[in-house]
Amino acid sequence: MTPDQKRLQKEYMVKLKAEIHNGPRAENNTEQQYKIRIIERGERLFYQCHDKALICEFDPYSTTVFLSSIRKWDDGKKMNPEERELFLERLKLHFLRFHDHAEIHFG
């Protein structure tokens, strides 16, 4: 990733963190302090937990989350196994609440 791409991604992440949306493509859980949002044309997913966030690859047609794209938070730290498990559980709950199914595939 070039320095310009990194700068643009960081700016995009700041914008996503500041926005509040609720609905089928977005969830803003103020009680547990996290956000899930399907972004762009549906092929990426934004997740924020407290002040950390990440963007991972997602296929909305098969509800597949590409695990290899879940690596680091926006602060550069690796996501630990507990954080990853919590993210996947919240994602399943999101799809159950907003899309009437909890079937998520991992690729």
C-alpha atoms as a PDB file:
ATOM      1  CA  MET A   1       0.000   0.000   0.000  1.00  0.00           C
ATOM      2  CA  THR A   2       1.404   3.367  -0.983  1.00  0.00           C
ATOM      3  CA  PRO A   3       1.672   6.223   1.533  1.00  0.00           C
ATOM      4  CA  ASP A   4      -1.235   8.004  -0.223  1.00  0.00           C
ATOM      5  CA  GLN A   5      -3.405   4.873   0.010  1.00  0.00           C
ATOM      6  CA  LYS A   6      -2.574   4.525   3.714  1.00  0.00           C
ATOM      7  CA  ARG A   7      -3.464   8.169   4.326  1.00  0.00           C
ATOM      8  CA  LEU A   8      -6.766   7.827   2.466  1.00  0.00           C
ATOM      9  CA  GLN A   9      -7.658   4.640   4.316  1.00  0.00           C
ATOM     10  CA  LYS A  10      -6.905   6.307   7.645  1.00  0.00           C
ATOM     11  CA  GLU A  11      -9.121   9.280   6.715  1.00  0.00           C
ATOM     12  CA  TYR A  12     -11.892   6.899   5.621  1.00  0.00           C
ATOM     13  CA  MET A  13     -11.640   4.991   8.908  1.00  0.00           C
ATOM     14  CA  VAL A  14     -11.934   8.243  10.911  1.00  0.00           C
ATOM     15  CA  LYS A  15     -15.070   9.136   8.928  1.00  0.00           C
ATOM     16  CA  LEU A  16     -16.641   5.703   9.489  1.00  0.00           C
ATOM     17  CA  LYS A  17     -15.897   5.859  13.217  1.00  0.00           C
ATOM     18  CA  ALA A  18     -17.676   9.208  13.497  1.00  0.00           C
ATOM     19  CA  GLU A  19     -20.814   8.202  11.570  1.00  0.00           C
ATOM     20  CA  ILE A  20     -23.810   6.667  13.306  1.00  0.00           C
ATOM     21  CA  HIS A  21     -26.102   4.446  11.246  1.00  0.00           C
ATOM     22  CA  ASN A  22     -28.666   1.799  12.117  1.00  0.00           C
ATOM     23  CA  GLY A  23     -30.489  -0.512   9.763  1.00  0.00           C
ATOM     24  CA  PRO A  24     -29.921  -3.581   7.617  1.00  0.00           C
ATOM     25  CA  ARG A  25     -26.482  -2.479   6.471  1.00  0.00           C
ATOM     26  CA  ALA A  26     -25.362  -0.922   9.758  1.00  0.00           C
ATOM     27  CA  GLU A  27     -25.620  -1.383  13.491  1.00  0.00           C
ATOM     28  CA  ASN A  28     -24.521   1.075  16.150  1.00  0.00           C
ATOM     29  CA  ASN A  29     -24.662  -0.689  19.515  1.00  0.00           C
ATOM     30  CA  THR A  30     -24.152   2.058  22.082  1.00  0.00           C
ATOM     31  CA  GLU A  31     -24.706  -0.260  25.046  1.00  0.00           C
ATOM     32  CA  GLN A  32     -21.820  -2.581  24.177  1.00  0.00           C
ATOM     33  CA  GLN A  33     -19.906   0.115  22.277  1.00  0.00           C
ATOM     34  CA  TYR A  34     -19.455  -1.433  18.868  1.00  0.00           C
ATOM     35  CA  LYS A  35     -20.436  -0.765  15.252  1.00  0.00           C
ATOM     36  CA  ILE A  36     -20.904  -3.112  12.315  1.00  0.00           C
ATOM     37  CA  ARG A  37     -21.495  -1.694   8.868  1.00  0.00           C
ATOM     38  CA  ILE A  38     -21.474  -3.152   5.376  1.00  0.00           C
ATOM     39  CA  ILE A  39     -19.633  -0.562   3.303  1.00  0.00           C
ATOM     40  CA  GLU A  40     -18.907   0.401  -0.267  1.00  0.00           C
ATOM     41  CA  ARG A  41     -20.785  -1.862  -2.690  1.00  0.00           C
ATOM     42  CA  GLY A  42     -21.193  -4.516  -0.025  1.00  0.00           C
ATOM     43  CA  GLU A  43     -17.852  -6.209  -0.469  1.00  0.00           C
ATOM     44  CA  ARG A  44     -16.273  -4.870   2.697  1.00  0.00           C
ATOM     45  CA  LEU A  45     -17.343  -4.751   6.296  1.00  0.00           C
ATOM     46  CA  PHE A  46     -16.452  -2.139   8.910  1.00  0.00           C
ATOM     47  CA  TYR A  47     -16.238  -3.140  12.569  1.00  0.00           C
ATOM     48  CA  GLN A  48     -15.480  -0.834  15.491  1.00  0.00           C
ATOM     49  CA  CYS A  49     -15.102  -1.898  19.114  1.00  0.00           C
ATOM     50  CA  HIS A  50     -14.642   1.043  21.486  1.00  0.00           C
ATOM     51  CA  ASP A  51     -11.940   3.169  19.818  1.00  0.00           C
ATOM     52  CA  LYS A  52     -10.405   0.433  17.615  1.00  0.00           C
ATOM     53  CA  ALA A  53     -11.692  -0.418  14.148  1.00  0.00           C
ATOM     54  CA  LEU A  54     -10.979  -2.568  11.120  1.00  0.00           C
ATOM     55  CA  ILE A  55     -12.225  -3.211   7.613  1.00  0.00           C
ATOM     56  CA  CYS A  56     -12.387  -6.759   6.275  1.00  0.00           C
ATOM     57  CA  GLU A  57     -13.416  -8.390   3.006  1.00  0.00           C
ATOM     58  CA  PHE A  58     -16.985  -9.652   2.768  1.00  0.00           C
ATOM     59  CA  ASP A  59     -19.197 -11.306   0.142  1.00  0.00           C
ATOM     60  CA  PRO A  60     -22.809 -10.282   0.788  1.00  0.00           C
ATOM     61  CA  TYR A  61     -24.269 -12.842  -1.630  1.00  0.00           C
ATOM     62  CA  SER A  62     -22.904 -15.854   0.188  1.00  0.00           C
ATOM     63  CA  THR A  63     -22.494 -14.023   3.538  1.00  0.00           C
ATOM     64  CA  THR A  64     -18.844 -14.988   3.567  1.00  0.00           C
ATOM     65  CA  VAL A  65     -16.307 -13.180   5.711  1.00  0.00           C
ATOM     66  CA  PHE A  66     -12.761 -13.709   4.487  1.00  0.00           C
ATOM     67  CA  LEU A  67     -10.852 -14.517   7.656  1.00  0.00           C
ATOM     68  CA  SER A  68      -7.493 -13.762   6.059  1.00  0.00           C
ATOM     69  CA  SER A  69      -8.582 -10.117   5.790  1.00  0.00           C
ATOM     70  CA  ILE A  70      -9.133  -9.846   9.568  1.00  0.00           C
ATOM     71  CA  ARG A  71      -5.636  -9.019  10.734  1.00  0.00           C
ATOM     72  CA  LYS A  72      -5.023  -5.708  12.420  1.00  0.00           C
ATOM     73  CA  TRP A  73      -6.883  -2.882  14.054  1.00  0.00           C
ATOM     74  CA  ASP A  74      -6.575   0.602  12.614  1.00  0.00           C
ATOM     75  CA  ASP A  75      -3.905   1.358  15.238  1.00  0.00           C
ATOM     76  CA  GLY A  76      -1.685  -1.363  13.709  1.00  0.00           C
ATOM     77  CA  LYS A  77      -2.068  -3.874  16.552  1.00  0.00           C
ATOM     78  CA  LYS A  78      -2.996  -7.461  15.737  1.00  0.00           C
ATOM     79  CA  MET A  79      -6.468  -8.603  16.704  1.00  0.00           C
ATOM     80  CA  ASN A  80      -6.099 -11.185  19.477  1.00  0.00           C
ATOM     81  CA  PRO A  81      -8.096 -14.459  19.477  1.00  0.00           C
ATOM     82  CA  GLU A  82     -10.614 -13.207  22.064  1.00  0.00           C
ATOM     83  CA  GLU A  83     -11.302 -10.023  20.084  1.00  0.00           C
ATOM     84  CA  ARG A  84     -11.669 -12.057  16.914  1.00  0.00           C
ATOM     85  CA  GLU A  85     -14.143 -14.466  18.543  1.00  0.00           C
ATOM     86  CA  LEU A  86     -16.172 -11.533  19.907  1.00  0.00           C
ATOM     87  CA  PHE A  87     -16.233  -9.915  16.459  1.00  0.00           C
ATOM     88  CA  LEU A  88     -17.448 -13.116  14.788  1.00  0.00           C
ATOM     89  CA  GLU A  89     -20.139 -13.619  17.441  1.00  0.00           C
ATOM     90  CA  ARG A  90     -21.368 -10.038  17.061  1.00  0.00           C
ATOM     91  CA  LEU A  91     -21.397 -10.458  13.300  1.00  0.00           C
ATOM     92  CA  LYS A  92     -23.562 -13.580  13.590  1.00  0.00           C
ATOM     93  CA  LEU A  93     -25.973 -11.722  15.889  1.00  0.00           C
ATOM     94  CA  HIS A  94     -26.086  -8.788  13.477  1.00  0.00           C
ATOM     95  CA  PHE A  95     -27.115 -11.040  10.596  1.00  0.00           C
ATOM     96  CA  LEU A  96     -29.665 -12.805  12.743  1.00  0.00           C
ATOM     97  CA  ARG A  97     -31.276  -9.492  13.803  1.00  0.00           C
ATOM     98  CA  PHE A  98     -31.138  -7.607  10.520  1.00  0.00           C
ATOM     99  CA  HIS A  99     -31.091 -10.292   7.840  1.00  0.00           C
ATOM    100  CA  ASP A 100     -33.141 -13.089   9.456  1.00  0.00           C
ATOM    101  CA  HIS A 101     -30.325 -15.592   9.419  1.00  0.00           C
ATOM    102  CA  ALA A 102     -27.154 -16.269  11.315  1.00  0.00           C
ATOM    103  CA  GLU A 103     -25.554 -18.394   8.627  1.00  0.00           C
ATOM    104  CA  ILE A 104     -22.180 -16.820   7.984  1.00  0.00           C
ATOM    105  CA  HIS A 105     -19.480 -18.557   6.033  1.00  0.00           C
ATOM    106  CA  PHE A 106     -15.794 -18.056   6.554  1.00  0.00           C
ATOM    107  CA  GLY A 107     -13.366 -18.204   3.705  1.00  0.00           C
END
